Protein backbone atom coordinates (compact mmCIF):
# COMPACT_ATOMS: atom_id res chain seq x y z
CA MET A 1 103.10 115.84 86.92
CA ARG A 2 102.06 114.79 90.58
CA GLY A 3 99.38 112.49 91.56
CA GLU A 4 98.88 108.53 92.40
CA PHE A 5 99.64 107.95 88.33
CA PHE A 6 100.27 104.30 88.87
CA GLY A 7 97.67 104.65 91.56
CA SER A 8 99.00 103.80 95.47
CA GLY A 9 99.41 101.03 97.84
CA GLY A 10 101.08 98.67 95.18
CA GLY A 11 104.51 98.78 96.90
CA GLU A 12 103.37 98.20 100.63
CA GLU A 13 101.22 95.22 99.51
CA LEU A 14 103.72 93.47 97.58
CA ALA A 15 106.36 94.04 100.46
CA ARG A 16 103.75 92.76 103.14
CA MET A 17 103.37 89.79 100.77
CA ALA A 18 106.88 89.16 100.19
CA LYS A 19 107.17 89.57 103.78
CA VAL A 20 109.93 92.21 103.28
CA PRO A 21 110.48 96.05 104.58
CA PHE A 22 108.50 98.75 102.94
CA PHE A 23 110.78 101.67 103.17
CA GLY A 24 109.12 104.33 101.48
CA ALA A 25 107.43 105.79 98.36
CA ILE A 26 109.12 108.65 95.67
CA PRO A 27 106.78 111.38 94.80
CA MET A 28 106.29 111.62 91.32
CA GLU A 29 108.16 114.98 90.74
CA GLN A 30 109.74 115.75 87.31
CA ASP A 31 112.89 117.03 88.58
CA VAL A 32 113.38 113.20 89.65
CA ARG A 33 113.15 112.28 85.97
CA ILE A 34 115.25 115.40 84.90
CA GLY A 35 117.94 114.57 87.43
CA GLY A 36 118.08 111.26 85.83
CA ASP A 37 118.78 112.46 82.59
CA THR A 38 121.51 115.12 83.52
CA GLY A 39 123.02 113.00 86.12
CA GLN A 40 122.30 115.55 88.76
CA PRO A 41 120.02 113.58 91.49
CA VAL A 42 117.33 115.81 92.99
CA VAL A 43 118.74 115.55 95.96
CA VAL A 44 121.54 117.56 94.74
CA SER A 45 119.20 120.36 92.88
CA ARG A 46 116.83 120.17 94.95
CA PRO A 47 117.80 118.93 98.48
CA ASN A 48 114.74 120.37 99.96
CA SER A 49 112.00 118.87 97.91
CA GLU A 50 109.72 116.24 98.88
CA ALA A 51 111.20 114.04 96.15
CA ALA A 52 114.68 114.31 98.07
CA LYS A 53 113.57 114.37 101.42
CA ALA A 54 112.03 110.98 100.48
CA PHE A 55 115.26 109.52 98.88
CA GLN A 56 117.28 110.26 102.08
CA ALA A 57 114.49 108.72 104.42
CA ILE A 58 114.33 105.28 102.64
CA ALA A 59 118.27 105.84 102.50
CA GLY A 60 118.78 106.01 106.09
CA GLN A 61 116.15 103.34 106.47
CA VAL A 62 117.93 100.82 104.02
CA ALA A 63 121.21 101.65 105.98
CA ALA A 64 119.98 101.15 109.39
CA ALA A 65 118.62 98.15 108.06
CA SER A 66 121.85 96.89 106.67
CA ALA A 67 123.95 98.05 109.11
CA TRP A 68 127.42 96.12 109.39
CA LYS A 69 128.55 95.43 112.99
CA ARG A 70 132.03 95.30 113.00
CA SER A 71 134.03 92.79 115.50
CA PRO A 72 137.40 91.78 115.49
CA ARG A 73 136.17 88.20 113.77
CA ARG A 74 134.82 89.69 110.61
CA ALA A 75 136.46 90.56 107.69
CA PRO A 76 136.39 93.98 106.35
CA ARG A 77 133.38 95.20 104.80
CA PRO A 78 133.78 95.76 101.21
CA SER A 79 133.80 99.02 99.59
CA VAL A 80 131.51 99.77 97.04
């Protein structure tokens, strides 16, 4: 299950129209679906796969974009 199943560029275009950042795309790999079904994420089961690398890159970008800068006057960030 590889290839452009849904086409390409739609996410980037939607992000551009909404004026929000586009953080990336996840390749359609069967291991992503299997990991979702079994509860073992592809970043754990196959950390060197293209999908795992894409998830990690996107997570890093989201974390950087939403970084909380602590200051003595701010309340502690809630844990999730």
